[in-house]
Amino acid sequence: MKNVLPPFIEIYRALIATPSISATEESLDQSNASLITLLAGWFRDLGFNVEVQPVPGTRNKFNMLASTGHGAAVCC
């Protein structure tokens, strides 16, 4: 755990450079796996527990859950 992120401009550039187009037209749609991997790494470096989940019924899309601490999950 590093607890330090790259400088803002490096984060900004990495986010922009990472392809993750979501489109209803299949030929334009891209997976967001690279972006989720990038974000998950930064969150892990900050000490978060990270869970990456595939989204059923999509073309290789993922959700990322980041948490810290303990306790029951609250959903409303």
N, C-alpha and C. Protein backbone atom coordinates (compact mmCIF):
# COMPACT_ATOMS: atom_id res chain seq x y z
N MET A 1 0.85 -1.18 0.00
CA MET A 1 0.00 0.00 0.00
C MET A 1 0.89 1.24 0.00
N LYS A 2 0.70 2.09 -1.00
CA LYS A 2 1.53 3.29 -1.13
C LYS A 2 0.92 4.51 -0.47
N ASN A 3 -0.41 4.59 -0.44
CA ASN A 3 -1.12 5.75 0.08
C ASN A 3 -0.81 7.03 -0.67
N VAL A 4 -0.26 6.91 -1.86
CA VAL A 4 0.06 8.09 -2.66
C VAL A 4 -0.38 7.83 -4.10
N LEU A 5 -1.05 8.79 -4.66
CA LEU A 5 -1.45 8.70 -6.06
C LEU A 5 -0.43 9.42 -6.94
N PRO A 6 -0.42 9.11 -8.22
CA PRO A 6 0.42 9.89 -9.13
C PRO A 6 -0.06 11.34 -9.14
N PRO A 7 0.76 12.25 -9.63
CA PRO A 7 0.31 13.64 -9.75
C PRO A 7 -0.96 13.74 -10.59
N PHE A 8 -1.77 14.75 -10.31
CA PHE A 8 -3.07 14.91 -10.97
C PHE A 8 -2.96 14.83 -12.49
N ILE A 9 -1.99 15.51 -13.08
CA ILE A 9 -1.90 15.54 -14.54
C ILE A 9 -1.64 14.14 -15.10
N GLU A 10 -0.89 13.31 -14.37
CA GLU A 10 -0.66 11.93 -14.82
C GLU A 10 -1.94 11.11 -14.74
N ILE A 11 -2.72 11.31 -13.69
CA ILE A 11 -4.01 10.62 -13.56
C ILE A 11 -4.92 11.04 -14.70
N TYR A 12 -5.01 12.33 -14.93
CA TYR A 12 -5.86 12.90 -15.98
C TYR A 12 -5.49 12.33 -17.34
N ARG A 13 -4.21 12.31 -17.65
CA ARG A 13 -3.74 11.79 -18.94
C ARG A 13 -4.04 10.30 -19.07
N ALA A 14 -3.83 9.56 -18.00
CA ALA A 14 -4.09 8.11 -18.04
C ALA A 14 -5.58 7.83 -18.26
N LEU A 15 -6.44 8.59 -17.60
CA LEU A 15 -7.88 8.40 -17.77
C LEU A 15 -8.31 8.70 -19.20
N ILE A 16 -7.79 9.78 -19.75
CA ILE A 16 -8.15 10.16 -21.13
C ILE A 16 -7.61 9.14 -22.13
N ALA A 17 -6.43 8.61 -21.88
CA ALA A 17 -5.79 7.70 -22.82
C ALA A 17 -6.35 6.27 -22.78
N THR A 18 -7.14 5.97 -21.77
CA THR A 18 -7.65 4.61 -21.62
C THR A 18 -8.98 4.46 -22.35
N PRO A 19 -9.02 3.64 -23.40
CA PRO A 19 -10.27 3.49 -24.16
C PRO A 19 -11.34 2.77 -23.33
N SER A 20 -12.55 3.30 -23.38
CA SER A 20 -13.66 2.68 -22.63
C SER A 20 -15.01 3.18 -23.15
N ILE A 21 -15.15 3.29 -24.45
CA ILE A 21 -16.38 3.82 -25.03
C ILE A 21 -17.52 2.83 -24.81
N SER A 22 -18.62 3.34 -24.27
CA SER A 22 -19.85 2.56 -24.16
C SER A 22 -20.81 3.07 -25.21
N ALA A 23 -21.27 2.18 -26.07
CA ALA A 23 -22.17 2.57 -27.15
C ALA A 23 -23.19 1.46 -27.39
N THR A 24 -24.37 1.86 -27.80
CA THR A 24 -25.38 0.86 -28.14
C THR A 24 -25.05 0.17 -29.45
N GLU A 25 -24.29 0.85 -30.30
CA GLU A 25 -23.86 0.24 -31.57
C GLU A 25 -22.66 -0.67 -31.30
N GLU A 26 -22.84 -1.95 -31.54
CA GLU A 26 -21.84 -2.95 -31.17
C GLU A 26 -20.46 -2.66 -31.75
N SER A 27 -20.39 -2.15 -32.96
CA SER A 27 -19.09 -1.90 -33.59
C SER A 27 -18.30 -0.78 -32.90
N LEU A 28 -18.98 0.08 -32.15
CA LEU A 28 -18.32 1.18 -31.44
C LEU A 28 -18.07 0.87 -29.96
N ASP A 29 -18.79 -0.10 -29.43
CA ASP A 29 -18.73 -0.41 -28.01
C ASP A 29 -17.39 -1.04 -27.64
N GLN A 30 -16.83 -0.62 -26.52
CA GLN A 30 -15.56 -1.16 -26.04
C GLN A 30 -15.73 -1.62 -24.59
N SER A 31 -14.90 -2.55 -24.19
CA SER A 31 -14.87 -2.97 -22.80
C SER A 31 -14.31 -1.84 -21.94
N ASN A 32 -14.73 -1.81 -20.69
CA ASN A 32 -14.16 -0.85 -19.75
C ASN A 32 -13.14 -1.52 -18.83
N ALA A 33 -12.72 -2.74 -19.18
CA ALA A 33 -11.81 -3.51 -18.32
C ALA A 33 -10.51 -2.76 -18.05
N SER A 34 -9.93 -2.13 -19.04
CA SER A 34 -8.67 -1.40 -18.84
C SER A 34 -8.84 -0.25 -17.87
N LEU A 35 -9.94 0.46 -17.99
CA LEU A 35 -10.20 1.58 -17.09
C LEU A 35 -10.44 1.09 -15.66
N ILE A 36 -11.22 0.03 -15.52
CA ILE A 36 -11.48 -0.53 -14.19
C ILE A 36 -10.18 -1.02 -13.55
N THR A 37 -9.32 -1.65 -14.33
CA THR A 37 -8.03 -2.11 -13.82
C THR A 37 -7.18 -0.94 -13.34
N LEU A 38 -7.16 0.13 -14.10
CA LEU A 38 -6.41 1.33 -13.73
C LEU A 38 -6.94 1.91 -12.42
N LEU A 39 -8.25 2.11 -12.35
CA LEU A 39 -8.87 2.66 -11.14
C LEU A 39 -8.67 1.74 -9.94
N ALA A 40 -8.84 0.45 -10.14
CA ALA A 40 -8.68 -0.51 -9.04
C ALA A 40 -7.27 -0.44 -8.46
N GLY A 41 -6.28 -0.29 -9.31
CA GLY A 41 -4.90 -0.17 -8.84
C GLY A 41 -4.70 1.05 -7.97
N TRP A 42 -5.23 2.18 -8.41
CA TRP A 42 -5.09 3.41 -7.62
C TRP A 42 -5.80 3.28 -6.28
N PHE A 43 -7.00 2.72 -6.29
CA PHE A 43 -7.74 2.56 -5.04
C PHE A 43 -7.02 1.58 -4.10
N ARG A 44 -6.48 0.50 -4.64
CA ARG A 44 -5.72 -0.44 -3.79
C ARG A 44 -4.50 0.25 -3.19
N ASP A 45 -3.82 1.07 -3.99
CA ASP A 45 -2.66 1.81 -3.50
C ASP A 45 -3.03 2.72 -2.33
N LEU A 46 -4.27 3.17 -2.30
CA LEU A 46 -4.73 4.04 -1.21
C LEU A 46 -5.27 3.26 -0.02
N GLY A 47 -5.22 1.94 -0.10
CA GLY A 47 -5.64 1.12 1.02
C GLY A 47 -7.07 0.62 0.98
N PHE A 48 -7.75 0.83 -0.12
CA PHE A 48 -9.13 0.36 -0.25
C PHE A 48 -9.15 -1.14 -0.56
N ASN A 49 -10.20 -1.80 -0.12
CA ASN A 49 -10.50 -3.15 -0.58
C ASN A 49 -11.26 -2.99 -1.89
N VAL A 50 -10.84 -3.67 -2.91
CA VAL A 50 -11.44 -3.49 -4.24
C VAL A 50 -11.99 -4.82 -4.73
N GLU A 51 -13.20 -4.75 -5.25
CA GLU A 51 -13.84 -5.91 -5.87
C GLU A 51 -14.29 -5.50 -7.27
N VAL A 52 -13.89 -6.28 -8.25
CA VAL A 52 -14.30 -6.03 -9.63
C VAL A 52 -15.30 -7.12 -10.02
N GLN A 53 -16.44 -6.68 -10.54
CA GLN A 53 -17.51 -7.61 -10.89
C GLN A 53 -17.88 -7.45 -12.35
N PRO A 54 -17.99 -8.57 -13.07
CA PRO A 54 -18.50 -8.48 -14.44
C PRO A 54 -19.98 -8.10 -14.41
N VAL A 55 -20.41 -7.33 -15.38
CA VAL A 55 -21.82 -6.94 -15.48
C VAL A 55 -22.50 -7.91 -16.45
N PRO A 56 -23.41 -8.73 -15.93
CA PRO A 56 -24.08 -9.71 -16.80
C PRO A 56 -24.86 -9.03 -17.92
N GLY A 57 -24.89 -9.67 -19.06
CA GLY A 57 -25.68 -9.18 -20.18
C GLY A 57 -25.06 -8.00 -20.91
N THR A 58 -23.77 -7.75 -20.67
CA THR A 58 -23.10 -6.64 -21.36
C THR A 58 -21.96 -7.19 -22.20
N ARG A 59 -21.39 -6.33 -23.01
CA ARG A 59 -20.25 -6.71 -23.84
C ARG A 59 -18.95 -6.41 -23.10
N ASN A 60 -18.63 -7.30 -22.15
CA ASN A 60 -17.36 -7.21 -21.40
C ASN A 60 -17.25 -5.92 -20.59
N LYS A 61 -18.30 -5.60 -19.84
CA LYS A 61 -18.30 -4.43 -18.95
C LYS A 61 -18.14 -4.89 -17.51
N PHE A 62 -17.57 -4.01 -16.68
CA PHE A 62 -17.30 -4.35 -15.29
C PHE A 62 -17.69 -3.19 -14.38
N ASN A 63 -18.03 -3.54 -13.14
CA ASN A 63 -18.23 -2.56 -12.07
C ASN A 63 -17.10 -2.75 -11.07
N MET A 64 -16.76 -1.68 -10.37
CA MET A 64 -15.76 -1.74 -9.33
C MET A 64 -16.36 -1.24 -8.04
N LEU A 65 -16.18 -2.01 -6.98
CA LEU A 65 -16.61 -1.60 -5.65
C LEU A 65 -15.36 -1.39 -4.82
N ALA A 66 -15.23 -0.24 -4.19
CA ALA A 66 -14.09 0.05 -3.33
C ALA A 66 -14.63 0.38 -1.94
N SER A 67 -14.03 -0.25 -0.93
CA SER A 67 -14.50 -0.01 0.43
C SER A 67 -13.32 0.06 1.37
N THR A 68 -13.59 0.59 2.53
CA THR A 68 -12.58 0.64 3.58
C THR A 68 -13.28 0.42 4.90
N GLY A 69 -12.59 -0.13 5.85
CA GLY A 69 -13.21 -0.40 7.14
C GLY A 69 -13.99 -1.69 7.13
N HIS A 70 -14.79 -1.86 8.17
CA HIS A 70 -15.56 -3.09 8.34
C HIS A 70 -16.99 -2.73 8.68
N GLY A 71 -17.84 -3.71 8.59
CA GLY A 71 -19.24 -3.50 8.94
C GLY A 71 -20.14 -3.98 7.83
N ALA A 72 -21.40 -4.02 8.15
CA ALA A 72 -22.38 -4.49 7.19
C ALA A 72 -22.57 -3.46 6.08
N ALA A 73 -22.80 -3.96 4.90
CA ALA A 73 -23.10 -3.08 3.77
C ALA A 73 -24.50 -2.51 3.94
N VAL A 74 -24.65 -1.26 3.61
CA VAL A 74 -25.95 -0.60 3.70
C VAL A 74 -26.38 -0.23 2.29
N CYS A 75 -27.56 -0.62 1.93
CA CYS A 75 -28.08 -0.31 0.60
C CYS A 75 -29.44 0.36 0.76
N CYS A 76 -29.62 1.46 0.09
CA CYS A 76 -30.93 2.12 0.17
C CYS A 76 -31.41 2.50 -1.21
